[in-house]
Amino acid sequence: MEFTPSKINRFLLFHLPSAWIAGVRVKEIGDKKAVVTAKHRWINQNPFGSMYFAVLAMGAELSTGILVMKKIQESGKNISMLVTHTEADFTKKARGIIRFVCEDGDLIDEKIKRTLETGEGVTFDLHSRGYDEAGDEVCHFTFQWSIKAKS
């Protein structure tokens, strides 16, 4: 798969339809950073008038996972990936368009290099911060990823 926002969003429609329906969209993917958005709407709200936490988690996880997928594809190697743990902090009601940003591309490069050199599984934490339209942080997620080069 080519890693452009439009191709990734098409992938979501067919392989992660709940994220697509909830309004989660990739906006930017680069070597060091990925940006994903979700717009607060009736379909993804909680009873308190803000975005449901599961939608926040989908956007945040995608901002980290799409970077891992991109780096694995660029390596040209067969590497498995899996989320093994997650933590989240919610600091403000999520309304409007929420932007999830992960800037851990360099760390992913380092961990892929390690699993390819050793053949062993590697775990590492990636961070995604969610910001509202005013630029205020509404959530911070940490996802522990596990990757392993397949023989």
Protein backbone atom coordinates (compact mmCIF):
# COMPACT_ATOMS: atom_id res chain seq x y z
CA MET A 1 0.00 0.00 0.00
CA GLU A 2 1.24 3.45 -0.85
CA PHE A 3 1.18 5.68 2.21
CA THR A 4 -0.79 8.71 1.12
CA PRO A 5 -3.68 10.07 3.19
CA SER A 6 -6.24 9.28 0.48
CA LYS A 7 -5.10 5.66 0.10
CA ILE A 8 -4.99 5.13 3.85
CA ASN A 9 -8.48 6.62 4.22
CA ARG A 10 -9.76 4.27 1.50
CA PHE A 11 -8.10 1.40 3.41
CA LEU A 12 -10.04 2.51 6.53
CA LEU A 13 -13.33 2.34 4.68
CA PHE A 14 -12.83 -1.33 3.79
CA HIS A 15 -10.70 -2.64 6.68
CA LEU A 16 -11.67 -0.45 9.67
CA PRO A 17 -15.21 0.64 8.84
CA SER A 18 -16.03 1.67 12.43
CA ALA A 19 -13.23 4.26 12.29
CA TRP A 20 -14.45 5.46 8.89
CA ILE A 21 -18.06 5.80 10.10
CA ALA A 22 -16.87 7.62 13.24
CA GLY A 23 -15.11 10.19 11.03
CA VAL A 24 -11.47 9.27 11.70
CA ARG A 25 -9.28 10.45 8.77
CA VAL A 26 -5.54 10.56 8.08
CA LYS A 27 -4.46 14.07 7.12
CA GLU A 28 -0.67 13.79 7.02
CA ILE A 29 1.94 11.03 7.01
CA GLY A 30 5.67 11.67 6.88
CA ASP A 31 8.92 10.16 8.05
CA LYS A 32 8.71 11.59 11.57
CA LYS A 33 5.08 12.56 12.05
CA ALA A 34 1.51 11.47 11.37
CA VAL A 35 -1.64 13.55 11.82
CA VAL A 36 -5.13 12.09 12.07
CA THR A 37 -8.38 13.98 12.65
CA ALA A 38 -11.87 13.22 13.88
CA LYS A 39 -14.79 15.62 13.86
CA HIS A 40 -17.25 15.64 16.76
CA ARG A 41 -20.63 14.67 15.32
CA TRP A 42 -23.83 13.04 16.49
CA ILE A 43 -22.60 9.57 15.41
CA ASN A 44 -19.46 9.71 17.61
CA GLN A 45 -20.62 11.61 20.67
CA ASN A 46 -21.10 10.47 24.25
CA PRO A 47 -24.10 11.39 26.43
CA PHE A 48 -22.19 14.41 27.76
CA GLY A 49 -21.98 16.25 24.45
CA SER A 50 -18.37 15.53 23.55
CA MET A 51 -16.54 12.95 21.46
CA TYR A 52 -16.80 9.39 22.78
CA PHE A 53 -13.48 8.17 24.23
CA ALA A 54 -13.37 5.17 21.89
CA VAL A 55 -13.30 7.50 18.87
CA LEU A 56 -10.46 9.44 20.51
CA ALA A 57 -8.63 6.14 21.00
CA MET A 58 -9.16 5.15 17.35
CA GLY A 59 -7.71 8.43 16.10
CA ALA A 60 -4.79 8.34 18.49
CA GLU A 61 -3.95 4.69 17.78
CA LEU A 62 -4.10 5.26 14.05
CA SER A 63 -1.67 8.18 14.29
CA THR A 64 0.90 5.85 15.87
CA GLY A 65 0.07 2.67 13.97
CA ILE A 66 0.18 4.22 10.52
CA LEU A 67 3.75 5.40 11.21
CA VAL A 68 4.74 1.87 12.27
CA MET A 69 3.10 0.40 9.15
CA LYS A 70 4.84 2.93 6.89
CA LYS A 71 8.25 2.24 8.42
CA ILE A 72 7.77 -1.54 8.18
CA GLN A 73 6.81 -1.26 4.52
CA GLU A 74 9.84 0.96 3.82
CA SER A 75 12.13 -1.62 5.45
CA GLY A 76 11.04 -4.20 2.86
CA LYS A 77 11.11 -6.86 5.59
CA ASN A 78 8.40 -9.06 7.07
CA ILE A 79 7.75 -7.61 10.53
CA SER A 80 4.72 -8.24 12.73
CA MET A 81 3.20 -5.48 14.84
CA LEU A 82 0.75 -5.45 17.74
CA VAL A 83 -0.46 -3.05 20.43
CA THR A 84 0.27 -4.65 23.81
CA HIS A 85 -0.73 -1.88 26.21
CA THR A 86 -2.34 1.55 26.21
CA GLU A 87 -2.82 4.43 28.62
CA ALA A 88 -4.83 7.60 28.21
CA ASP A 89 -5.38 10.92 29.92
CA PHE A 90 -8.33 13.14 29.07
CA THR A 91 -7.90 16.80 29.98
CA LYS A 92 -10.76 18.64 28.27
CA LYS A 93 -14.06 17.85 26.52
CA ALA A 94 -13.36 16.93 22.91
CA ARG A 95 -15.57 19.02 20.62
CA GLY A 96 -15.13 20.22 17.07
CA ILE A 97 -12.28 18.79 15.01
CA ILE A 98 -9.70 16.93 17.07
CA ARG A 99 -6.20 16.57 15.62
CA PHE A 100 -4.09 13.60 16.80
CA VAL A 101 -0.35 14.02 16.37
CA CYS A 102 2.38 11.40 16.73
CA GLU A 103 5.96 12.59 16.20
CA ASP A 104 7.87 9.40 17.07
CA GLY A 105 9.09 8.37 13.61
CA ASP A 106 12.77 8.36 14.62
CA LEU A 107 12.08 6.00 17.53
CA ILE A 108 10.28 3.58 15.21
CA ASP A 109 13.29 3.55 12.86
CA GLU A 110 15.55 2.65 15.79
CA LYS A 111 13.28 -0.18 16.98
CA ILE A 112 12.86 -1.68 13.50
CA LYS A 113 16.62 -1.67 13.10
CA ARG A 114 16.96 -3.49 16.44
CA THR A 115 14.45 -6.24 15.64
CA LEU A 116 16.07 -6.79 12.23
CA GLU A 117 19.54 -7.05 13.80
CA THR A 118 18.57 -9.33 16.68
CA GLY A 119 15.55 -11.21 15.34
CA GLU A 120 13.94 -10.66 18.73
CA GLY A 121 10.73 -8.88 19.62
CA VAL A 122 11.01 -5.23 20.63
CA THR A 123 8.47 -3.21 22.62
CA PHE A 124 8.34 0.57 22.73
CA ASP A 125 5.96 3.39 23.61
CA LEU A 126 4.54 5.79 21.04
CA HIS A 127 2.65 8.93 22.02
CA SER A 128 -0.29 10.68 20.41
CA ARG A 129 -1.65 13.99 21.62
CA GLY A 130 -5.12 15.18 20.68
CA TYR A 131 -5.71 18.90 20.17
CA ASP A 132 -8.93 20.82 19.62
CA GLU A 133 -9.37 23.64 17.13
CA ALA A 134 -8.10 26.20 19.67
CA GLY A 135 -4.88 24.20 20.02
CA ASP A 136 -5.70 23.00 23.53
CA GLU A 137 -4.72 19.44 24.39
CA VAL A 138 -7.80 17.32 25.05
CA CYS A 139 -6.11 13.93 25.43
CA HIS A 140 -2.78 12.16 25.53
CA PHE A 141 -2.44 8.49 24.62
CA THR A 142 0.51 6.17 25.05
CA PHE A 143 0.49 2.97 23.02
CA GLN A 144 3.00 0.22 23.68
CA TRP A 145 3.80 -1.48 20.39
CA SER A 146 5.51 -4.81 19.95
CA ILE A 147 7.29 -5.60 16.70
CA LYS A 148 9.21 -8.67 15.62
CA ALA A 149 11.05 -9.58 12.47
CA LYS A 150 9.64 -12.80 11.01
CA SER A 151 12.06 -15.41 9.70
